[in-house]
Every structure is written in structure tokens, then in C-alpha cells.
């Protein structure tokens, strides 16, 4: 008897849930319209709710519904979710050209979320089309993907293939940009660390972090003075036991700090060069030829 009542209660709860869906949007098309309106107004949470309802009740709305869901998650910077719904839409799209466009959108998101390996997988799966538009767009994403993995030779090659026939293309600018990228890649973070081991703060000073350099030098200067005074006033063993935690804390952290700042500086320069390449491509490709779809790609790269 108890089981029967529980079963009836479950049916009533599920019926109430379905009824709430129907009351909120009388049909799937109404839900889709609401989702589109919420999306245009920037209310992405509500747009997601309505879009999911639309694709659940009407298979014909799956592709546009998935695209709204992908757009919502992209705006919320939840790139994995955005890619998931783009993949669902691409899997249902039978038109080759539209399917390729959805694939390019996925590649865009992979690059924005710093996942170049997945971008390469998608690019390798694209069928070769005898189309200038398709070829240039593929060259564009290959140039960016190779830049992200620091393969500057291939990045430069695909940048050249993309831009060589465009008016205003300056090979000297591209050569200079990639020369900076090569030099930046060749800078070892060990040199600042070694320098700070010899003279605390010098590694930070080498990379232009003047405040960190001053703090490190002053702290370690005080530490050295106290250590020297301890050895005079105490026996060597007591002095070592007393001062070891402070030496470990401040002297070694100074070395690691110099290394970490050098790595951070190298990454920041790489990001600046990456964005500089994007800006240059945007300048060269005019509206008629602008096949890149560069808006937002990796401007927030970490």
C-alpha cells in the first residue's frame, strides 16, 4: 500500500513538472522565441532554460536551439559547455558548408580556451575544399594554433599563405614579429634565478620588476646581517638552527620568485605578440576578404 502511494506521488510530481513547462511556454516554438529574446537582452541563464525546453520538445529546433545554448555559454566564458552544444549542432547539420562553419566556430573556442591540441584535431578532420574562403580560414586558424604551441616556423608559414595576396601585406612586419617570438622563446628563466642566488633581487631587476627587486634585496640584506650577528653571539650550530627557517623562507623564495617572474614575463610577451598578430591580420584583411572571424579570439588568452 505504501509503495503504491509512493508511485502515485512520483507520477503527480512528474506531471506537475511537465505542466510547469507547458505553462511557462505554450509550445516549443514559444520557448525558442523566448530563448532568443532573453539571449539578445543578455539574460543568458533564462535563455538557457528556454532553449533547453525548446530542443527537448521539438527536434526541428535542435540545431538553432543548440546554437543559442552554445552562444550563451560562450558569453559566460564556459567554453567546454559551448563546444559541447556546437558539437551537437554540427552532428545534426547535413549541409557541408554549414557543418564546416560550425567546426570553425569550435576551433575558435578551442583557441580561446587555450586548447590548441583539440583545434588541430578539428582542423585535420576538415575536408579540403577548393575554395579561397575555406583555404584562407583554415590557414588563419592553423597560424594561430601553431603560435599557441610555439611552433613559430609553421605559424609564420600559414600567416604568409593567408596574407600574401592581400594588399598592404608587409613581410618585414611579419618577419620582425616572429623574430621577437623566437627570441622570447629562447630566454631561459634560469638566468634570473641564478642571478638572484648570487645577489638577491638582481634577477627581478633583470626582468624589470624594480619593486620586487628592492624588497628582495632589502629583506635578504637584513637577513644576512642578522645571520652574521647570530654566528658572532652564538655557537655555529645554534646559529644555523636559529637562522635556517628564515634563510629558507626569504633567500630561497627570492630565487624562486625571480624564476616565476621570468616565466610570467615570457608568457606576457608571447600573449602580446599573439594579439599583435591578430590585430595585424584584422587590419590587412578588408571587409570583403575578412574570412578570419577574429573577434574575441584569444584576446583574453592566459
Protein backbone atom coordinates (compact mmCIF):
# COMPACT_ATOMS: atom_id res chain seq x y z
CA UNK A 1 0.00 0.00 0.00
CA UNK A 2 2.89 2.35 0.92
CA UNK A 3 4.69 1.54 -2.36
CA UNK A 4 1.51 2.26 -4.30
CA UNK A 5 1.15 5.66 -2.65
CA UNK A 6 4.82 6.49 -3.37
CA UNK A 7 4.34 5.52 -7.02
CA UNK A 8 1.26 7.77 -7.33
CA UNK A 9 3.14 10.61 -5.63
CA UNK A 10 6.02 10.30 -8.13
CA UNK A 11 3.56 10.42 -11.03
CA UNK A 12 1.94 13.55 -9.61
CA UNK A 13 5.31 15.28 -9.13
CA UNK A 14 6.45 14.49 -12.70
CA UNK A 15 3.07 15.62 -14.05
CA UNK A 16 3.42 18.90 -12.17
CA UNK A 17 6.90 19.43 -13.63
CA UNK A 18 5.70 18.83 -17.19
CA UNK A 19 2.72 21.10 -16.56
CA UNK A 20 5.04 23.87 -15.38
CA UNK A 21 6.97 23.56 -18.64
CA UNK A 22 3.77 23.84 -20.65
CA UNK A 23 2.52 26.77 -18.60
CA UNK A 24 5.76 28.69 -18.94
CA UNK A 25 5.87 28.27 -22.73
CA UNK A 26 2.77 27.04 -24.54
CA UNK A 27 4.85 25.42 -27.28
CA UNK A 28 8.44 24.65 -28.20
CA UNK A 29 8.43 27.48 -30.72
CA UNK A 30 7.32 29.89 -27.99
CA UNK A 31 10.18 28.66 -25.81
CA UNK A 32 12.62 29.18 -28.68
CA UNK A 33 11.39 32.75 -29.25
CA UNK A 34 11.73 33.44 -25.53
CA UNK A 35 15.26 31.97 -25.56
CA UNK A 36 16.25 34.17 -28.49
CA UNK A 37 14.79 37.25 -26.79
CA UNK A 38 16.48 36.51 -23.49
CA UNK A 39 19.78 35.98 -25.33
CA UNK A 40 19.51 39.32 -27.14
CA UNK A 41 18.83 41.01 -23.79
CA UNK A 42 21.87 39.38 -22.20
CA UNK A 43 19.90 37.20 -19.76
CA UNK A 44 21.83 34.04 -20.56
CA UNK A 45 20.63 31.94 -17.61
CA UNK A 46 16.99 32.36 -18.62
CA UNK A 47 17.87 31.88 -22.31
CA UNK A 48 19.48 28.55 -21.45
CA UNK A 49 16.35 27.37 -19.64
CA UNK A 50 14.06 28.23 -22.57
CA UNK A 51 16.45 26.89 -25.23
CA UNK A 52 16.74 23.55 -23.43
CA UNK A 53 12.96 23.39 -23.24
CA UNK A 54 12.66 24.12 -26.98
CA UNK A 55 15.10 21.40 -28.06
CA UNK A 56 13.52 18.91 -25.65
CA UNK A 57 10.02 19.25 -27.12
CA UNK A 58 10.79 19.85 -30.82
CA UNK A 59 13.52 18.05 -32.80
CA UNK A 60 13.29 20.60 -35.62
CA UNK A 61 14.55 23.27 -33.20
CA UNK A 62 17.59 21.31 -32.06
CA UNK A 63 20.19 22.99 -34.30
CA UNK A 64 19.11 26.62 -33.68
CA UNK A 65 18.46 25.77 -30.03
CA UNK A 66 21.92 24.25 -29.61
CA UNK A 67 23.44 27.33 -31.24
CA UNK A 68 21.69 29.59 -28.73
CA UNK A 69 22.92 27.37 -25.90
CA UNK A 70 26.44 27.49 -27.28
CA UNK A 71 26.27 31.27 -27.60
CA UNK A 72 25.05 31.63 -24.03
CA UNK A 73 27.83 29.52 -22.59
CA UNK A 74 30.38 31.31 -24.77
CA UNK A 75 29.25 34.68 -23.40
CA UNK A 76 29.53 33.22 -19.90
CA UNK A 77 33.06 32.02 -20.79
CA UNK A 78 32.08 28.40 -20.12
CA UNK A 79 33.85 27.24 -23.25
CA UNK A 80 33.61 23.49 -22.68
CA UNK A 81 29.83 23.71 -22.48
CA UNK A 82 29.73 25.99 -25.54
CA UNK A 83 31.83 23.48 -27.51
CA UNK A 84 29.57 20.62 -26.43
CA UNK A 85 26.47 22.24 -27.90
CA UNK A 86 28.32 23.30 -31.05
CA UNK A 87 29.31 19.65 -31.50
CA UNK A 88 25.69 18.56 -31.10
CA UNK A 89 24.59 21.11 -33.71
CA UNK A 90 27.38 20.08 -36.10
CA UNK A 91 26.42 16.41 -35.72
CA UNK A 92 22.90 17.18 -36.94
CA UNK A 93 23.91 19.54 -39.76
CA UNK A 94 23.87 17.80 -43.16
CA UNK A 95 24.94 20.79 -45.23
CA UNK A 96 28.73 20.52 -45.67
CA UNK A 97 29.33 24.28 -45.78
CA UNK A 98 27.30 24.92 -42.63
CA UNK A 99 28.94 21.95 -40.93
CA UNK A 100 32.37 23.42 -41.71
CA UNK A 101 31.31 26.80 -40.32
CA UNK A 102 30.26 25.15 -37.06
CA UNK A 103 33.60 23.34 -36.97
CA UNK A 104 35.44 26.62 -37.41
CA UNK A 105 33.43 28.04 -34.50
CA UNK A 106 34.53 25.10 -32.36
CA UNK A 107 38.15 25.73 -33.35
CA UNK A 108 37.69 29.37 -32.38
CA UNK A 109 36.53 28.32 -28.91
CA UNK A 110 39.34 25.79 -28.52
CA UNK A 111 41.86 28.55 -29.20
CA UNK A 112 40.10 30.98 -26.86
CA UNK A 113 40.26 28.37 -24.10
CA UNK A 114 43.93 27.57 -24.84
CA UNK A 115 43.32 24.06 -26.16
CA UNK A 116 45.33 24.05 -29.42
CA UNK A 117 45.60 20.24 -29.50
CA UNK A 118 41.83 19.93 -29.97
CA UNK A 119 41.94 22.73 -32.55
CA UNK A 120 44.45 20.68 -34.57
CA UNK A 121 42.20 17.60 -34.35
CA UNK A 122 39.25 19.57 -35.73
CA UNK A 123 41.39 21.15 -38.46
CA UNK A 124 42.71 17.78 -39.56
CA UNK A 125 39.14 16.48 -39.87
CA UNK A 126 38.06 19.22 -42.27
CA UNK A 127 37.77 18.07 -45.86
CA UNK A 128 39.88 20.03 -48.32
CA UNK A 129 37.58 22.37 -50.25
CA UNK A 130 38.65 24.10 -53.45
CA UNK A 131 37.52 27.42 -52.10
CA UNK A 132 39.60 30.52 -51.37
CA UNK A 133 37.36 31.31 -48.41
CA UNK A 134 37.76 27.85 -46.92
CA UNK A 135 41.52 27.70 -47.53
CA UNK A 136 42.18 31.11 -46.03
CA UNK A 137 40.07 30.42 -42.99
CA UNK A 138 41.90 27.16 -42.41
CA UNK A 139 45.26 28.92 -42.85
CA UNK A 140 44.18 31.53 -40.32
CA UNK A 141 43.38 29.01 -37.61
CA UNK A 142 46.49 26.95 -38.37
CA UNK A 143 48.62 30.08 -37.95
CA UNK A 144 47.06 30.75 -34.53
CA UNK A 145 47.16 27.14 -33.36
CA UNK A 146 50.84 26.77 -34.24
CA UNK A 147 51.60 30.08 -32.49
CA UNK A 148 49.95 28.76 -29.33
CA UNK A 149 52.25 25.72 -29.23
CA UNK A 150 55.25 27.97 -30.02
CA UNK A 151 55.87 26.38 -33.42
CA UNK A 152 56.69 29.73 -34.97
CA UNK A 153 58.02 28.32 -38.24
CA UNK A 154 54.65 26.84 -39.18
CA UNK A 155 52.76 29.80 -37.73
CA UNK A 156 54.77 32.13 -39.93
CA UNK A 157 54.23 29.89 -42.97
CA UNK A 158 50.43 29.88 -42.62
CA UNK A 159 50.38 33.60 -41.84
CA UNK A 160 52.21 34.16 -45.13
CA UNK A 161 49.78 31.90 -47.03
CA UNK A 162 46.87 33.82 -45.54
CA UNK A 163 48.15 37.33 -46.21
CA UNK A 164 50.48 37.10 -49.21
CA UNK A 165 47.87 38.12 -51.78
CA UNK A 166 46.31 40.88 -49.67
CA UNK A 167 47.08 44.50 -50.45
CA UNK A 168 49.09 46.18 -47.73
CA UNK A 169 50.82 42.99 -46.63
CA UNK A 170 54.19 43.86 -45.07
CA UNK A 171 56.58 40.92 -44.93
CA UNK A 172 59.03 42.95 -42.82
CA UNK A 173 56.40 43.38 -40.09
CA UNK A 174 55.68 39.63 -40.00
CA UNK A 175 59.40 38.77 -40.01
CA UNK A 176 60.05 41.19 -37.15
CA UNK A 177 57.10 39.89 -35.13
CA UNK A 178 58.19 36.28 -35.42
CA UNK A 179 61.82 37.20 -34.74
CA UNK A 180 60.64 38.68 -31.42
CA UNK A 181 58.71 35.48 -30.75
CA UNK A 182 61.83 33.34 -31.42
CA UNK A 183 63.96 35.48 -29.13
CA UNK A 184 61.37 35.47 -26.38
CA UNK A 185 61.10 31.67 -26.58
CA UNK A 186 64.88 31.37 -26.25
CA UNK A 187 65.04 33.29 -22.97
CA UNK A 188 65.70 30.92 -20.09
CA UNK A 189 64.10 31.61 -16.69
CA UNK A 190 67.15 30.01 -15.05
CA UNK A 191 69.39 33.03 -15.61
CA UNK A 192 67.35 35.38 -13.36
CA UNK A 193 67.15 32.61 -10.74
CA UNK A 194 70.93 32.09 -10.77
CA UNK A 195 71.49 35.84 -10.68
CA UNK A 196 69.24 36.17 -7.61
CA UNK A 197 71.06 33.30 -5.94
CA UNK A 198 74.30 35.27 -6.28
CA UNK A 199 72.83 38.69 -5.48
CA UNK A 200 69.27 38.70 -4.13
CA UNK A 201 66.97 40.94 -6.18
CA UNK A 202 69.19 41.06 -9.26
CA UNK A 203 67.06 38.53 -11.15
CA UNK A 204 63.93 40.58 -10.56
CA UNK A 205 65.83 43.73 -11.60
CA UNK A 206 66.95 42.00 -14.80
CA UNK A 207 63.30 41.47 -15.81
CA UNK A 208 62.19 44.99 -14.91
CA UNK A 209 60.40 44.22 -11.64
CA UNK A 210 62.02 47.02 -9.64
CA UNK A 211 59.81 46.90 -6.56
CA UNK A 212 60.25 43.14 -6.18
CA UNK A 213 64.00 43.59 -6.66
CA UNK A 214 64.20 46.25 -3.92
CA UNK A 215 62.10 44.19 -1.49
CA UNK A 216 64.14 41.07 -2.09
CA UNK A 217 67.47 42.87 -1.73
CA UNK A 218 66.50 44.67 1.49
CA UNK A 219 64.98 41.59 3.14
CA UNK A 220 68.00 39.46 2.35
CA UNK A 221 70.39 42.21 3.41
CA UNK A 222 68.70 42.32 6.82
CA UNK A 223 68.71 38.52 6.92
CA UNK A 224 72.43 38.39 6.14
CA UNK A 225 73.15 40.93 8.91
CA UNK A 226 71.13 39.01 11.50
CA UNK A 227 72.75 35.73 10.43
CA UNK A 228 76.24 37.24 10.79
CA UNK A 229 75.35 38.64 14.20
CA UNK A 230 73.98 35.23 15.29
CA UNK A 231 77.22 33.48 14.37
CA UNK A 232 79.15 36.01 16.47
CA UNK A 233 76.90 35.78 19.54
CA UNK A 234 76.04 32.06 19.38
CA UNK A 235 77.94 28.92 18.60
CA UNK A 236 77.73 27.90 14.90
CA UNK A 237 75.26 25.04 15.45
CA UNK A 238 72.81 27.19 17.40
CA UNK A 239 73.14 29.95 14.81
CA UNK A 240 72.38 27.53 11.97
CA UNK A 241 69.36 26.06 13.79
CA UNK A 242 68.06 29.55 14.61
CA UNK A 243 68.53 31.11 11.19
CA UNK A 244 67.77 28.19 8.87
CA UNK A 245 63.95 28.75 8.75
CA UNK A 246 64.48 32.43 7.86
CA UNK A 247 67.11 31.68 5.23
CA UNK A 248 64.85 29.04 3.74
CA UNK A 249 61.88 31.39 3.75
CA UNK A 250 63.43 34.55 2.35
CA UNK A 251 66.59 33.61 0.46
CA UNK A 252 65.18 30.60 -1.40
CA UNK A 253 61.84 32.33 -2.06
CA UNK A 254 63.85 35.17 -3.64
CA UNK A 255 65.35 32.68 -6.11
CA UNK A 256 62.02 31.03 -6.94
CA UNK A 257 60.35 34.42 -7.22
CA UNK A 258 62.91 35.53 -9.81
CA UNK A 259 62.30 32.36 -11.83
CA UNK A 260 58.49 32.71 -11.65
CA UNK A 261 58.60 36.37 -12.66
CA UNK A 262 60.82 35.49 -15.63
CA UNK A 263 58.33 32.83 -16.76
CA UNK A 264 55.43 35.27 -16.30
CA UNK A 265 57.24 37.94 -18.30
CA UNK A 266 57.92 35.47 -21.10
CA UNK A 267 54.26 34.40 -21.22
CA UNK A 268 53.06 38.02 -21.22
CA UNK A 269 55.35 38.91 -24.14
CA UNK A 270 54.08 35.86 -26.02
CA UNK A 271 50.47 36.96 -25.45
CA UNK A 272 51.27 40.49 -26.63
CA UNK A 273 52.85 39.16 -29.83
CA UNK A 274 49.90 36.80 -30.39
CA UNK A 275 47.42 39.66 -30.07
CA UNK A 276 49.64 41.82 -32.27
CA UNK A 277 49.45 39.15 -34.98
CA UNK A 278 45.65 39.07 -34.65
CA UNK A 279 45.40 42.84 -34.89
CA UNK A 280 47.62 42.88 -37.95
CA UNK A 281 45.50 40.23 -39.70
CA UNK A 282 42.38 42.27 -38.93
CA UNK A 283 44.00 45.33 -40.47
CA UNK A 284 45.17 43.59 -43.64
CA UNK A 285 42.01 41.64 -44.44
CA UNK A 286 39.37 44.11 -45.55
CA UNK A 287 35.62 43.59 -45.13
CA UNK A 288 35.30 41.82 -48.44
CA UNK A 289 38.07 39.35 -47.71
CA UNK A 290 37.65 39.15 -43.97
CA UNK A 291 37.21 35.43 -43.56
CA UNK A 292 39.03 35.21 -40.26
CA UNK A 293 36.25 35.69 -37.73
CA UNK A 294 38.86 37.03 -35.36
CA UNK A 295 36.58 38.86 -32.96
CA UNK A 296 37.46 37.91 -29.41
CA UNK A 297 39.82 35.07 -30.28
CA UNK A 298 42.43 34.83 -27.56
CA UNK A 299 42.32 38.46 -26.58
CA UNK A 300 41.74 37.02 -23.12
CA UNK A 301 44.36 34.35 -23.53
CA UNK A 302 46.01 33.42 -20.21
